[in-house]
Every structure is written in structure tokens, then in C-alpha cells.
Amino acid sequence: MKLTNKEFIKNIEKKYTFEKKPSVAVAVSGGPDSMSLLFLVKAFINYKKGNLIALIVDHRIRKNSTEEAKYISAYLNQNKINSQILTVDKDNVIKKNMNEARNNRYNLLTKFCIQNNILHLFVAHHKNDNLETFLNRRIAGSDFYGLKSMSELSIYNKVFIIRPLLNFSKEKLLDYNKKNKIECINDPSNFNLNYTRPTIRKFINKSDQKTIKEINKDFENILFYSPYFIQMILEILLINIVLVDSKKIVVGFDNIKNLNEITSENIIRRIYQFLFYESNAPRSKKTRILISEMKKLNFNIFDIKGMIVKKNDDLLTFSRKSV
């Protein structure tokens, strides 16, 4: 698929539904990825006669982050694009790692969207990013849910996050910027090998075509088979549920205990997500400890990330800690 304004507008209209004269936001770092997305969305919004705002996050991790944010804002102003600089509170900059920066960034972005009645936030993750996420999660031992990596559409703090570039490579974005004479800056953290993701990026960039082809094939297999795996997990869970409400889920203990570890782990993670209304389920390591404890004769109660798992005869009750 070609990356042009015309094709982008056609693709967006086909996949998503927007309000009349939509108001949307684009997360902008100033890098080539977000800048290409911004100008693509600008073309879409001009076509729809809507409103666009670029949100620039000053994450305060690097010394020059404030100056960079101001530079990007000034450049966008020259191109008649409204922008807003969102500054991370110093109290939220503790670990100075990528995960903390990501959480701070999304919290600021979605808070602004909610306060300004913006339903859709565009984010510039592309095909290369998704491949890096796949490898990163594979190293961490993620299951099918995690290995699917990023989705084109998700919800964060009640805001729709749209990633329309997941089928486009980095090279296509750079080519779009070059053809449209779009300026950008590079984030030095992209090259800091103290972070896992840049290390994976370096590995991919240095790999031969055969290796890249094999990685892509593995990723495509995950995307193909994961819906079947997820459906299987849900069916097993539904069969074994004895009682369910907003505060607890009760399942048959023996049936769950005797499942293989991967299936048991995913059922526990799905129960947690239901009870806590969030996508961040407990890590695999903690879940596997619970599974190991469940197989002991004296198992009675276990606390996993605020979810209480309690055995009562042949039943297993999962509930929020406050219950």
C-alpha cells in the first residue's frame, strides 16, 4: 500500500468512524514517525473540515527536552498546525526509564483529550515498532496476548488510541517526509543501548534479510493463530465458571488446577482483567507462582496484585482485595 495523503484518507475512512467535523489529537515527538503521521492526519482533517491539535510531551528525561518541544511547536506553527506542549510533573520523573516515560506520556495525552472532549488520539507506531515489540515481549516470555503486540485501535483512559501506520515500514515514512519536505528531530534515547528496545532495534538493523524474514514469519503466525487461542481460553473459562459478578468470579477448582500451565496462566490473567477493568494483568512470573501454590494440598489463599484467590472445597474464588 502506498503512503500518500489520498490513500491514507481512504484507509482511515474505511476502518474508523468519526463524528461530523471531528476533533482529533496527534501525539508528536518531533521524530520522523510522528511528523509523517501528523501531516497525514492534517490532510484527513482538512478533508473532513475538522480540528487538529498536535500534542508535544516534554518528558523531562533529557536535558534539552524543553527546548526541543518549543522548537517543534514553533515549526508546527509555521505550518499552521495548532499545538500544545504538555509537561511531565517533576514528581513523576523518578526512574527515568522508558516504561515510566511511556506511562507519563499517555497519562498526559489522554488527560488533555478528556478535558477537551477529544475522542481520538493518533499515535505513530509503525511496522518496525511492532516487530520490535514482538521481539521484546518474546524475550520477556509473553503469551499469545502479549505477542500480538500493538493493535491499530485500543482504549486508554477512555480515549481511543489509533495507530494507522502499523502496516507501513520506517522506510516508507522517511520517504513520505522526504517527498513532502517535512522537518524532524531525532530522539537520542533511540540510540541508547541501556534501553532494551534500542538494543533490539540495533539487532534488527544489523540482521540479514533471511533473519528478518524468519522474524516476520513468526510474528505473522502469532497474528494468525492468536484469535483461535484467545477463543479457546474464553471457552474453557466460560465452561468452568460457577458464579460471576462485578466483584468476584467463582470457578471449579479441580478443572482449573489440572489444566496445563499456559492455559491456567491465561485464564487467571483474563479473570484479573475482568475484575480490575484494565489490560495490565499480573506478570507471568507471579501467575506461575500462584499456579504452583494451587497444586499444593494445603493451598488456601493467595494475593496476586490485589486480587485474592481463595480455595473453598472444590471451588476457587477470585475477588478484589477490598471485598
C-alpha atoms as a PDB file:
ATOM      1  CA  MET A   1       0.000   0.000   0.000  1.00  0.00           C
ATOM      2  CA  LYS A   2       1.317   3.441  -0.959  1.00  0.00           C
ATOM      3  CA  LEU A   3       1.708   6.050   1.754  1.00  0.00           C
ATOM      4  CA  THR A   4       0.078   9.130   0.267  1.00  0.00           C
ATOM      5  CA  ASN A   5      -2.450  11.601   1.641  1.00  0.00           C
ATOM      6  CA  LYS A   6      -5.128  10.255  -0.696  1.00  0.00           C
ATOM      7  CA  GLU A   7      -4.567   6.588   0.249  1.00  0.00           C
ATOM      8  CA  PHE A   8      -4.318   7.458   3.945  1.00  0.00           C
ATOM      9  CA  ILE A   9      -7.670   9.287   3.901  1.00  0.00           C
ATOM     10  CA  LYS A  10      -9.274   6.397   2.028  1.00  0.00           C
ATOM     11  CA  ASN A  11      -7.903   3.856   4.529  1.00  0.00           C
ATOM     12  CA  ILE A  12      -8.916   5.867   7.616  1.00  0.00           C
ATOM     13  CA  GLU A  13     -12.471   6.376   6.354  1.00  0.00           C
ATOM     14  CA  LYS A  14     -12.781   2.661   5.633  1.00  0.00           C
ATOM     15  CA  LYS A  15     -11.580   1.478   9.052  1.00  0.00           C
ATOM     16  CA  TYR A  16     -12.861   4.048  11.553  1.00  0.00           C
ATOM     17  CA  THR A  17     -15.930   6.101  12.351  1.00  0.00           C
ATOM     18  CA  PHE A  18     -15.610   9.729  13.394  1.00  0.00           C
ATOM     19  CA  GLU A  19     -18.046  12.418  14.422  1.00  0.00           C
ATOM     20  CA  LYS A  20     -19.031  15.077  11.890  1.00  0.00           C
ATOM     21  CA  LYS A  21     -16.183  17.601  11.587  1.00  0.00           C
ATOM     22  CA  PRO A  22     -14.044  15.565  14.006  1.00  0.00           C
ATOM     23  CA  SER A  23     -11.669  16.998  16.585  1.00  0.00           C
ATOM     24  CA  VAL A  24      -8.590  14.792  16.895  1.00  0.00           C
ATOM     25  CA  ALA A  25      -5.162  14.900  18.514  1.00  0.00           C
ATOM     26  CA  VAL A  26      -1.820  13.557  17.325  1.00  0.00           C
ATOM     27  CA  ALA A  27       0.999  12.637  19.706  1.00  0.00           C
ATOM     28  CA  VAL A  28       4.107  14.362  18.318  1.00  0.00           C
ATOM     29  CA  SER A  29       7.693  13.792  19.436  1.00  0.00           C
ATOM     30  CA  GLY A  30       9.246  15.631  16.515  1.00  0.00           C
ATOM     31  CA  GLY A  31      10.774  12.434  15.171  1.00  0.00           C
ATOM     32  CA  PRO A  32      10.207  11.268  11.577  1.00  0.00           C
ATOM     33  CA  ASP A  33       7.449   8.816  12.544  1.00  0.00           C
ATOM     34  CA  SER A  34       5.187  11.238  14.384  1.00  0.00           C
ATOM     35  CA  MET A  35       5.841  14.054  11.914  1.00  0.00           C
ATOM     36  CA  SER A  36       4.761  11.934   8.944  1.00  0.00           C
ATOM     37  CA  LEU A  37       1.632  10.863  10.847  1.00  0.00           C
ATOM     38  CA  LEU A  38       0.848  14.464  11.776  1.00  0.00           C
ATOM     39  CA  PHE A  39       0.882  15.679   8.176  1.00  0.00           C
ATOM     40  CA  LEU A  40      -1.142  12.665   7.028  1.00  0.00           C
ATOM     41  CA  VAL A  41      -3.772  13.348   9.691  1.00  0.00           C
ATOM     42  CA  LYS A  42      -3.689  17.039   8.756  1.00  0.00           C
ATOM     43  CA  ALA A  43      -4.689  16.073   5.203  1.00  0.00           C
ATOM     44  CA  PHE A  44      -7.518  13.906   6.588  1.00  0.00           C
ATOM     45  CA  ILE A  45      -8.798  16.652   8.909  1.00  0.00           C
ATOM     46  CA  ASN A  46      -8.701  19.260   6.127  1.00  0.00           C
ATOM     47  CA  TYR A  47     -10.763  16.868   4.001  1.00  0.00           C
ATOM     48  CA  LYS A  48     -13.277  16.366   6.852  1.00  0.00           C
ATOM     49  CA  LYS A  49     -13.258  20.075   7.791  1.00  0.00           C
ATOM     50  CA  GLY A  50     -12.482  19.155  11.368  1.00  0.00           C
ATOM     51  CA  ASN A  51      -9.988  20.303  14.008  1.00  0.00           C
ATOM     52  CA  LEU A  52      -6.490  19.022  14.703  1.00  0.00           C
ATOM     53  CA  ILE A  53      -4.098  19.619  17.575  1.00  0.00           C
ATOM     54  CA  ALA A  54      -0.571  18.277  17.937  1.00  0.00           C
ATOM     55  CA  LEU A  55       0.324  17.275  21.493  1.00  0.00           C
ATOM     56  CA  ILE A  56       4.014  17.560  22.353  1.00  0.00           C
ATOM     57  CA  VAL A  57       5.149  15.956  25.613  1.00  0.00           C
ATOM     58  CA  ASP A  58       8.120  17.463  27.433  1.00  0.00           C
ATOM     59  CA  HIS A  59       9.052  14.321  29.384  1.00  0.00           C
ATOM     60  CA  ARG A  60      11.936  15.974  31.287  1.00  0.00           C
ATOM     61  CA  ILE A  61      14.205  12.946  30.937  1.00  0.00           C
ATOM     62  CA  ARG A  62      16.809  14.651  28.768  1.00  0.00           C
ATOM     63  CA  LYS A  63      18.491  17.984  29.372  1.00  0.00           C
ATOM     64  CA  ASN A  64      17.277  19.539  26.102  1.00  0.00           C
ATOM     65  CA  SER A  65      13.722  18.187  26.105  1.00  0.00           C
ATOM     66  CA  THR A  66      12.093  21.573  26.850  1.00  0.00           C
ATOM     67  CA  GLU A  67      13.997  23.355  24.073  1.00  0.00           C
ATOM     68  CA  GLU A  68      13.138  20.546  21.642  1.00  0.00           C
ATOM     69  CA  ALA A  69       9.443  20.808  22.495  1.00  0.00           C
ATOM     70  CA  LYS A  70       9.483  24.571  21.872  1.00  0.00           C
ATOM     71  CA  TYR A  71      11.343  24.099  18.574  1.00  0.00           C
ATOM     72  CA  ILE A  72       8.780  21.554  17.359  1.00  0.00           C
ATOM     73  CA  SER A  73       5.888  23.799  18.413  1.00  0.00           C
ATOM     74  CA  ALA A  74       7.370  26.766  16.519  1.00  0.00           C
ATOM     75  CA  TYR A  75       7.866  24.636  13.392  1.00  0.00           C
ATOM     76  CA  LEU A  76       4.263  23.427  13.519  1.00  0.00           C
ATOM     77  CA  ASN A  77       3.041  26.989  13.975  1.00  0.00           C
ATOM     78  CA  GLN A  78       4.850  27.905  10.748  1.00  0.00           C
ATOM     79  CA  ASN A  79       2.894  25.121   9.051  1.00  0.00           C
ATOM     80  CA  LYS A  80      -0.413  26.356  10.501  1.00  0.00           C
ATOM     81  CA  ILE A  81      -0.824  23.386  12.858  1.00  0.00           C
ATOM     82  CA  ASN A  82      -2.101  24.080  16.376  1.00  0.00           C
ATOM     83  CA  SER A  83      -0.005  22.506  19.103  1.00  0.00           C
ATOM     84  CA  GLN A  84       0.134  22.201  22.856  1.00  0.00           C
ATOM     85  CA  ILE A  85       3.179  21.361  24.980  1.00  0.00           C
ATOM     86  CA  LEU A  86       2.340  19.056  27.881  1.00  0.00           C
ATOM     87  CA  THR A  87       4.983  18.973  30.604  1.00  0.00           C
ATOM     88  CA  VAL A  88       5.501  15.980  32.878  1.00  0.00           C
ATOM     89  CA  ASP A  89       5.466  16.844  36.584  1.00  0.00           C
ATOM     90  CA  LYS A  90       8.955  16.507  38.111  1.00  0.00           C
ATOM     91  CA  ASP A  91       7.496  14.336  40.873  1.00  0.00           C
ATOM     92  CA  ASN A  92       6.588  11.744  38.226  1.00  0.00           C
ATOM     93  CA  VAL A  93      10.145  11.539  36.864  1.00  0.00           C
ATOM     94  CA  ILE A  94      11.770   9.050  39.246  1.00  0.00           C
ATOM     95  CA  LYS A  95      13.235   6.053  37.451  1.00  0.00           C
ATOM     96  CA  LYS A  96      13.890   7.911  34.181  1.00  0.00           C
ATOM     97  CA  ASN A  97      13.291   4.743  32.167  1.00  0.00           C
ATOM     98  CA  MET A  98      11.248   4.142  29.033  1.00  0.00           C
ATOM     99  CA  ASN A  99       8.321   2.499  30.808  1.00  0.00           C
ATOM    100  CA  GLU A 100       7.913   5.420  33.204  1.00  0.00           C
ATOM    101  CA  ALA A 101       8.200   7.877  30.309  1.00  0.00           C
ATOM    102  CA  ARG A 102       5.545   5.941  28.369  1.00  0.00           C
ATOM    103  CA  ASN A 103       3.088   5.981  31.298  1.00  0.00           C
ATOM    104  CA  ASN A 104       3.664   9.689  31.944  1.00  0.00           C
ATOM    105  CA  ARG A 105       3.206  10.410  28.248  1.00  0.00           C
ATOM    106  CA  TYR A 106      -0.073   8.510  27.819  1.00  0.00           C
ATOM    107  CA  ASN A 107      -1.499   9.865  31.072  1.00  0.00           C
ATOM    108  CA  LEU A 108      -0.830  13.445  29.983  1.00  0.00           C
ATOM    109  CA  LEU A 109      -2.085  12.907  26.440  1.00  0.00           C
ATOM    110  CA  THR A 110      -5.329  11.222  27.416  1.00  0.00           C
ATOM    111  CA  LYS A 111      -5.994  13.685  30.247  1.00  0.00           C
ATOM    112  CA  PHE A 112      -5.753  16.556  27.759  1.00  0.00           C
ATOM    113  CA  CYS A 113      -8.068  14.739  25.333  1.00  0.00           C
ATOM    114  CA  ILE A 114     -10.688  14.117  28.030  1.00  0.00           C
ATOM    115  CA  GLN A 115     -10.567  17.739  29.238  1.00  0.00           C
ATOM    116  CA  ASN A 116     -11.001  18.985  25.666  1.00  0.00           C
ATOM    117  CA  ASN A 117     -13.650  16.492  24.515  1.00  0.00           C
ATOM    118  CA  ILE A 118     -11.332  14.782  22.042  1.00  0.00           C
ATOM    119  CA  LEU A 119     -12.330  11.178  21.386  1.00  0.00           C
ATOM    120  CA  HIS A 120      -9.434  10.074  19.158  1.00  0.00           C
ATOM    121  CA  LEU A 121      -5.690  10.245  19.702  1.00  0.00           C
ATOM    122  CA  PHE A 122      -3.395   9.253  16.827  1.00  0.00           C
ATOM    123  CA  VAL A 123      -0.051   7.639  17.660  1.00  0.00           C
ATOM    124  CA  ALA A 124       2.750   6.999  15.147  1.00  0.00           C
ATOM    125  CA  HIS A 125       3.797   3.411  15.852  1.00  0.00           C
ATOM    126  CA  HIS A 126       4.701   1.652  12.602  1.00  0.00           C
ATOM    127  CA  LYS A 127       5.527  -1.825  11.310  1.00  0.00           C
ATOM    128  CA  ASN A 128       9.118  -1.775  12.590  1.00  0.00           C
ATOM    129  CA  ASP A 129       7.923  -0.747  16.069  1.00  0.00           C
ATOM    130  CA  ASN A 130       5.516  -3.664  16.172  1.00  0.00           C
ATOM    131  CA  LEU A 131       8.265  -6.091  15.193  1.00  0.00           C
ATOM    132  CA  GLU A 132      10.466  -4.686  17.973  1.00  0.00           C
ATOM    133  CA  THR A 133       7.587  -5.055  20.441  1.00  0.00           C
ATOM    134  CA  PHE A 134       7.114  -8.665  19.335  1.00  0.00           C
ATOM    135  CA  LEU A 135      10.804  -9.487  19.936  1.00  0.00           C
ATOM    136  CA  ASN A 136      10.876  -7.576  23.217  1.00  0.00           C
ATOM    137  CA  ARG A 137       7.870  -9.498  24.551  1.00  0.00           C
ATOM    138  CA  ARG A 138       9.156 -12.776  23.234  1.00  0.00           C
ATOM    139  CA  ILE A 139      12.361 -12.259  25.234  1.00  0.00           C
ATOM    140  CA  ALA A 140      10.229 -11.456  28.291  1.00  0.00           C
ATOM    141  CA  GLY A 141       8.243 -14.699  27.851  1.00  0.00           C
ATOM    142  CA  SER A 142       4.883 -13.150  26.903  1.00  0.00           C
ATOM    143  CA  ASP A 143       1.934 -15.327  25.935  1.00  0.00           C
ATOM    144  CA  PHE A 144      -0.241 -15.094  22.814  1.00  0.00           C
ATOM    145  CA  TYR A 145      -1.949 -11.972  24.120  1.00  0.00           C
ATOM    146  CA  GLY A 146       1.333 -10.128  24.550  1.00  0.00           C
ATOM    147  CA  LEU A 147       2.980 -11.450  21.389  1.00  0.00           C
ATOM    148  CA  LYS A 148       0.194  -9.983  19.286  1.00  0.00           C
ATOM    149  CA  SER A 149       1.942  -6.725  20.160  1.00  0.00           C
ATOM    150  CA  MET A 150       0.241  -3.423  19.355  1.00  0.00           C
ATOM    151  CA  SER A 151      -3.256  -3.113  17.939  1.00  0.00           C
ATOM    152  CA  GLU A 152      -4.382  -0.477  15.473  1.00  0.00           C
ATOM    153  CA  LEU A 153      -7.199   0.523  17.812  1.00  0.00           C
ATOM    154  CA  SER A 154      -7.154   0.437  21.611  1.00  0.00           C
ATOM    155  CA  ILE A 155      -8.570   2.389  24.547  1.00  0.00           C
ATOM    156  CA  TYR A 156      -6.507   4.148  27.208  1.00  0.00           C
ATOM    157  CA  ASN A 157      -8.243   6.145  29.942  1.00  0.00           C
ATOM    158  CA  LYS A 158     -11.453   6.136  27.867  1.00  0.00           C
ATOM    159  CA  VAL A 159      -9.704   7.678  24.833  1.00  0.00           C
ATOM    160  CA  PHE A 160      -9.496   5.826  21.516  1.00  0.00           C
ATOM    161  CA  ILE A 161      -5.855   5.329  20.517  1.00  0.00           C
ATOM    162  CA  ILE A 162      -5.421   4.902  16.752  1.00  0.00           C
ATOM    163  CA  ARG A 163      -2.200   3.542  15.253  1.00  0.00           C
ATOM    164  CA  PRO A 164      -2.855   3.776  11.497  1.00  0.00           C
ATOM    165  CA  LEU A 165       0.768   3.212  10.415  1.00  0.00           C
ATOM    166  CA  LEU A 166       1.278  -0.348  11.720  1.00  0.00           C
ATOM    167  CA  ASN A 167       1.285  -1.719   8.172  1.00  0.00           C
ATOM    168  CA  PHE A 168       3.894   0.775   6.964  1.00  0.00           C
ATOM    169  CA  SER A 169       7.647   0.399   7.353  1.00  0.00           C
ATOM    170  CA  LYS A 170      10.009   3.052   8.673  1.00  0.00           C
ATOM    171  CA  GLU A 171      11.431   3.430   5.166  1.00  0.00           C
ATOM    172  CA  LYS A 172       8.025   4.412   3.779  1.00  0.00           C
ATOM    173  CA  LEU A 173       7.605   7.064   6.471  1.00  0.00           C
ATOM    174  CA  LEU A 174      11.026   8.521   5.739  1.00  0.00           C
ATOM    175  CA  ASP A 175      10.208   8.544   2.030  1.00  0.00           C
ATOM    176  CA  TYR A 176       6.933  10.384   2.723  1.00  0.00           C
ATOM    177  CA  ASN A 177       8.772  13.012   4.780  1.00  0.00           C
ATOM    178  CA  LYS A 178      11.357  13.491   2.063  1.00  0.00           C
ATOM    179  CA  LYS A 179       8.764  13.922  -0.684  1.00  0.00           C
ATOM    180  CA  ASN A 180       6.802  16.408   1.413  1.00  0.00           C
ATOM    181  CA  LYS A 181       9.876  18.229   2.775  1.00  0.00           C
ATOM    182  CA  ILE A 182       8.905  17.651   6.403  1.00  0.00           C
ATOM    183  CA  GLU A 183      11.482  18.527   9.056  1.00  0.00           C
ATOM    184  CA  CYS A 184      12.071  16.327  12.091  1.00  0.00           C
ATOM    185  CA  ILE A 185      14.439  15.765  15.020  1.00  0.00           C
ATOM    186  CA  ASN A 186      15.934  12.531  16.375  1.00  0.00           C
ATOM    187  CA  ASP A 187      15.498  11.370  19.962  1.00  0.00           C
ATOM    188  CA  PRO A 188      18.941  10.383  21.399  1.00  0.00           C
ATOM    189  CA  SER A 189      17.253   7.744  23.603  1.00  0.00           C
ATOM    190  CA  ASN A 190      16.543   5.817  20.390  1.00  0.00           C
ATOM    191  CA  PHE A 191      20.254   5.053  20.269  1.00  0.00           C
ATOM    192  CA  ASN A 192      20.881   4.473  23.976  1.00  0.00           C
ATOM    193  CA  LEU A 193      21.707   0.778  24.311  1.00  0.00           C
ATOM    194  CA  ASN A 194      20.966   0.882  28.066  1.00  0.00           C
ATOM    195  CA  TYR A 195      17.339   0.530  26.973  1.00  0.00           C
ATOM    196  CA  THR A 196      16.084  -2.844  25.714  1.00  0.00           C
ATOM    197  CA  ARG A 197      14.137  -1.550  22.705  1.00  0.00           C
ATOM    198  CA  PRO A 198      17.052   0.330  21.057  1.00  0.00           C
ATOM    199  CA  THR A 199      19.192  -2.795  21.526  1.00  0.00           C
ATOM    200  CA  ILE A 200      16.556  -4.847  19.692  1.00  0.00           C
ATOM    201  CA  ARG A 201      16.367  -2.140  17.024  1.00  0.00           C
ATOM    202  CA  LYS A 202      20.113  -2.369  16.506  1.00  0.00           C
ATOM    203  CA  PHE A 203      19.864  -6.168  16.237  1.00  0.00           C
ATOM    204  CA  ILE A 204      17.145  -5.890  13.561  1.00  0.00           C
ATOM    205  CA  ASN A 205      19.063  -3.253  11.612  1.00  0.00           C
ATOM    206  CA  LYS A 206      22.190  -5.414  11.562  1.00  0.00           C
ATOM    207  CA  SER A 207      20.395  -8.669  10.709  1.00  0.00           C
ATOM    208  CA  ASP A 208      20.429 -10.114   7.200  1.00  0.00           C
ATOM    209  CA  GLN A 209      17.278 -10.483   5.110  1.00  0.00           C
ATOM    210  CA  LYS A 210      16.924 -14.194   5.942  1.00  0.00           C
ATOM    211  CA  THR A 211      16.791 -13.475   9.687  1.00  0.00           C
ATOM    212  CA  ILE A 212      14.334 -10.608   9.213  1.00  0.00           C
ATOM    213  CA  LYS A 213      12.156 -12.824   7.030  1.00  0.00           C
ATOM    214  CA  GLU A 214      12.079 -15.532   9.731  1.00  0.00           C
ATOM    215  CA  ILE A 215      11.185 -12.995  12.460  1.00  0.00           C
ATOM    216  CA  ASN A 216       8.385 -11.604  10.284  1.00  0.00           C
ATOM    217  CA  LYS A 217       7.088 -15.113   9.623  1.00  0.00           C
ATOM    218  CA  ASP A 218       6.989 -15.893  13.359  1.00  0.00           C
ATOM    219  CA  PHE A 219       5.137 -12.642  14.015  1.00  0.00           C
ATOM    220  CA  GLU A 220       2.618 -13.267  11.218  1.00  0.00           C
ATOM    221  CA  ASN A 221       1.954 -16.770  12.599  1.00  0.00           C
ATOM    222  CA  ILE A 222       1.197 -15.260  16.011  1.00  0.00           C
ATOM    223  CA  LEU A 223      -1.221 -12.780  14.433  1.00  0.00           C
ATOM    224  CA  PHE A 224      -2.932 -15.596  12.525  1.00  0.00           C
ATOM    225  CA  TYR A 225      -3.274 -18.136  15.354  1.00  0.00           C
ATOM    226  CA  SER A 226      -3.808 -15.829  18.355  1.00  0.00           C
ATOM    227  CA  PRO A 227      -7.578 -15.330  17.769  1.00  0.00           C
ATOM    228  CA  TYR A 228      -8.076 -19.115  17.921  1.00  0.00           C
ATOM    229  CA  PHE A 229      -6.002 -19.351  21.101  1.00  0.00           C
ATOM    230  CA  ILE A 230      -7.915 -16.489  22.730  1.00  0.00           C
ATOM    231  CA  GLN A 231     -11.244 -18.056  21.776  1.00  0.00           C
ATOM    232  CA  MET A 232     -10.132 -21.352  23.299  1.00  0.00           C
ATOM    233  CA  ILE A 233      -9.190 -19.654  26.593  1.00  0.00           C
ATOM    234  CA  LEU A 234     -12.556 -17.889  26.793  1.00  0.00           C
ATOM    235  CA  GLU A 235     -14.473 -21.086  26.086  1.00  0.00           C
ATOM    236  CA  ILE A 236     -12.582 -23.019  28.778  1.00  0.00           C
ATOM    237  CA  LEU A 237     -13.201 -20.194  31.258  1.00  0.00           C
ATOM    238  CA  LEU A 238     -16.924 -19.983  30.456  1.00  0.00           C
ATOM    239  CA  ILE A 239     -17.374 -23.746  30.833  1.00  0.00           C
ATOM    240  CA  ASN A 240     -15.806 -23.688  34.315  1.00  0.00           C
ATOM    241  CA  ILE A 241     -17.459 -20.563  35.733  1.00  0.00           C
ATOM    242  CA  VAL A 242     -19.830 -21.273  38.629  1.00  0.00           C
ATOM    243  CA  LEU A 243     -20.658 -17.667  39.554  1.00  0.00           C
ATOM    244  CA  VAL A 244     -19.732 -14.248  38.224  1.00  0.00           C
ATOM    245  CA  ASP A 245     -20.499 -10.665  39.224  1.00  0.00           C
ATOM    246  CA  SER A 246     -18.656  -7.347  39.170  1.00  0.00           C
ATOM    247  CA  LYS A 247     -16.663  -8.175  42.323  1.00  0.00           C
ATOM    248  CA  LYS A 248     -15.854 -11.857  42.074  1.00  0.00           C
ATOM    249  CA  ILE A 249     -15.643 -14.909  39.857  1.00  0.00           C
ATOM    250  CA  VAL A 250     -16.008 -18.457  41.152  1.00  0.00           C
ATOM    251  CA  VAL A 251     -14.721 -21.409  39.106  1.00  0.00           C
ATOM    252  CA  GLY A 252     -14.383 -25.156  39.605  1.00  0.00           C
ATOM    253  CA  PHE A 253     -11.051 -25.754  41.333  1.00  0.00           C
ATOM    254  CA  ASP A 254     -10.151 -29.218  40.026  1.00  0.00           C
ATOM    255  CA  ASN A 255     -10.761 -28.387  36.376  1.00  0.00           C
ATOM    256  CA  ILE A 256      -8.574 -25.266  36.503  1.00  0.00           C
ATOM    257  CA  LYS A 257      -5.856 -26.919  38.593  1.00  0.00           C
ATOM    258  CA  ASN A 258      -5.493 -29.781  36.113  1.00  0.00           C
ATOM    259  CA  LEU A 259      -5.082 -27.588  33.017  1.00  0.00           C
ATOM    260  CA  ASN A 260      -1.616 -27.082  31.564  1.00  0.00           C
ATOM    261  CA  GLU A 261       0.351 -24.095  32.892  1.00  0.00           C
ATOM    262  CA  ILE A 262      -0.043 -21.882  29.808  1.00  0.00           C
ATOM    263  CA  THR A 263      -3.830 -22.297  29.746  1.00  0.00           C
ATOM    264  CA  SER A 264      -4.159 -21.798  33.523  1.00  0.00           C
ATOM    265  CA  GLU A 265      -1.997 -18.706  33.394  1.00  0.00           C
ATOM    266  CA  ASN A 266      -4.098 -17.107  30.660  1.00  0.00           C
ATOM    267  CA  ILE A 267      -7.366 -17.879  32.414  1.00  0.00           C
ATOM    268  CA  ILE A 268      -6.074 -16.208  35.591  1.00  0.00           C
ATOM    269  CA  ARG A 269      -4.934 -13.167  33.617  1.00  0.00           C
ATOM    270  CA  ARG A 270      -8.341 -12.845  31.915  1.00  0.00           C
ATOM    271  CA  ILE A 271     -10.134 -13.057  35.272  1.00  0.00           C
ATOM    272  CA  TYR A 272      -7.884 -10.318  36.652  1.00  0.00           C
ATOM    273  CA  GLN A 273      -8.592  -8.040  33.684  1.00  0.00           C
ATOM    274  CA  PHE A 274     -12.339  -8.547  34.135  1.00  0.00           C
ATOM    275  CA  LEU A 275     -12.277  -7.732  37.857  1.00  0.00           C
ATOM    276  CA  PHE A 276      -9.971  -4.719  37.613  1.00  0.00           C
ATOM    277  CA  TYR A 277     -11.132  -3.308  34.249  1.00  0.00           C
ATOM    278  CA  GLU A 278      -7.591  -2.989  32.948  1.00  0.00           C
ATOM    279  CA  SER A 279      -5.309  -4.584  30.372  1.00  0.00           C
ATOM    280  CA  ASN A 280      -2.249  -4.833  32.654  1.00  0.00           C
ATOM    281  CA  ALA A 281      -2.636  -8.310  34.121  1.00  0.00           C
ATOM    282  CA  PRO A 282      -0.119  -9.756  36.611  1.00  0.00           C
ATOM    283  CA  ARG A 283       3.251 -10.751  35.176  1.00  0.00           C
ATOM    284  CA  SER A 284       3.765 -14.363  34.150  1.00  0.00           C
ATOM    285  CA  LYS A 285       6.282 -14.991  36.952  1.00  0.00           C
ATOM    286  CA  LYS A 286       3.747 -14.074  39.668  1.00  0.00           C
ATOM    287  CA  THR A 287       0.957 -16.000  37.961  1.00  0.00           C
ATOM    288  CA  ARG A 288       3.105 -19.135  37.730  1.00  0.00           C
ATOM    289  CA  ILE A 289       3.832 -18.926  41.456  1.00  0.00           C
ATOM    290  CA  LEU A 290       0.082 -18.933  42.075  1.00  0.00           C
ATOM    291  CA  ILE A 291      -0.378 -21.955  39.792  1.00  0.00           C
ATOM    292  CA  SER A 292       2.371 -23.776  41.664  1.00  0.00           C
ATOM    293  CA  GLU A 293       0.741 -22.953  45.017  1.00  0.00           C
ATOM    294  CA  MET A 294      -2.668 -24.131  43.770  1.00  0.00           C
ATOM    295  CA  LYS A 295      -1.286 -27.637  43.243  1.00  0.00           C
ATOM    296  CA  LYS A 296      -0.258 -27.976  46.903  1.00  0.00           C
ATOM    297  CA  LEU A 297      -2.574 -29.881  49.257  1.00  0.00           C
ATOM    298  CA  ASN A 298      -2.597 -27.089  51.858  1.00  0.00           C
ATOM    299  CA  PHE A 299      -3.409 -24.299  49.393  1.00  0.00           C
ATOM    300  CA  ASN A 300      -5.949 -21.887  50.847  1.00  0.00           C
ATOM    301  CA  ILE A 301      -5.429 -18.244  49.862  1.00  0.00           C
ATOM    302  CA  PHE A 302      -3.136 -16.165  47.645  1.00  0.00           C
ATOM    303  CA  ASP A 303      -2.834 -12.435  46.874  1.00  0.00           C
ATOM    304  CA  ILE A 304      -1.810 -11.623  43.308  1.00  0.00           C
ATOM    305  CA  LYS A 305      -1.552  -7.901  42.517  1.00  0.00           C
ATOM    306  CA  GLY A 306      -4.563  -7.030  44.684  1.00  0.00           C
ATOM    307  CA  MET A 307      -6.679  -9.998  43.571  1.00  0.00           C
ATOM    308  CA  ILE A 308      -7.456 -12.536  46.295  1.00  0.00           C
ATOM    309  CA  VAL A 309      -7.589 -16.164  45.172  1.00  0.00           C
ATOM    310  CA  LYS A 310      -9.248 -18.362  47.781  1.00  0.00           C
ATOM    311  CA  LYS A 311      -9.964 -22.107  47.769  1.00  0.00           C
ATOM    312  CA  ASN A 312     -13.165 -23.346  49.389  1.00  0.00           C
ATOM    313  CA  ASP A 313     -13.729 -27.095  48.996  1.00  0.00           C
ATOM    314  CA  ASP A 314     -13.870 -27.722  45.240  1.00  0.00           C
ATOM    315  CA  LEU A 315     -14.326 -24.057  44.302  1.00  0.00           C
ATOM    316  CA  LEU A 316     -11.846 -21.270  43.603  1.00  0.00           C
ATOM    317  CA  THR A 317     -12.947 -17.683  44.235  1.00  0.00           C
ATOM    318  CA  PHE A 318     -11.224 -14.706  42.588  1.00  0.00           C
ATOM    319  CA  SER A 319     -12.120 -11.335  44.094  1.00  0.00           C
ATOM    320  CA  ARG A 320     -10.852  -7.809  44.558  1.00  0.00           C
ATOM    321  CA  LYS A 321      -8.870  -7.255  47.744  1.00  0.00           C
ATOM    322  CA  SER A 322     -11.418  -4.774  49.092  1.00  0.00           C
ATOM    323  CA  VAL A 323     -14.170  -7.425  49.099  1.00  0.00           C
END
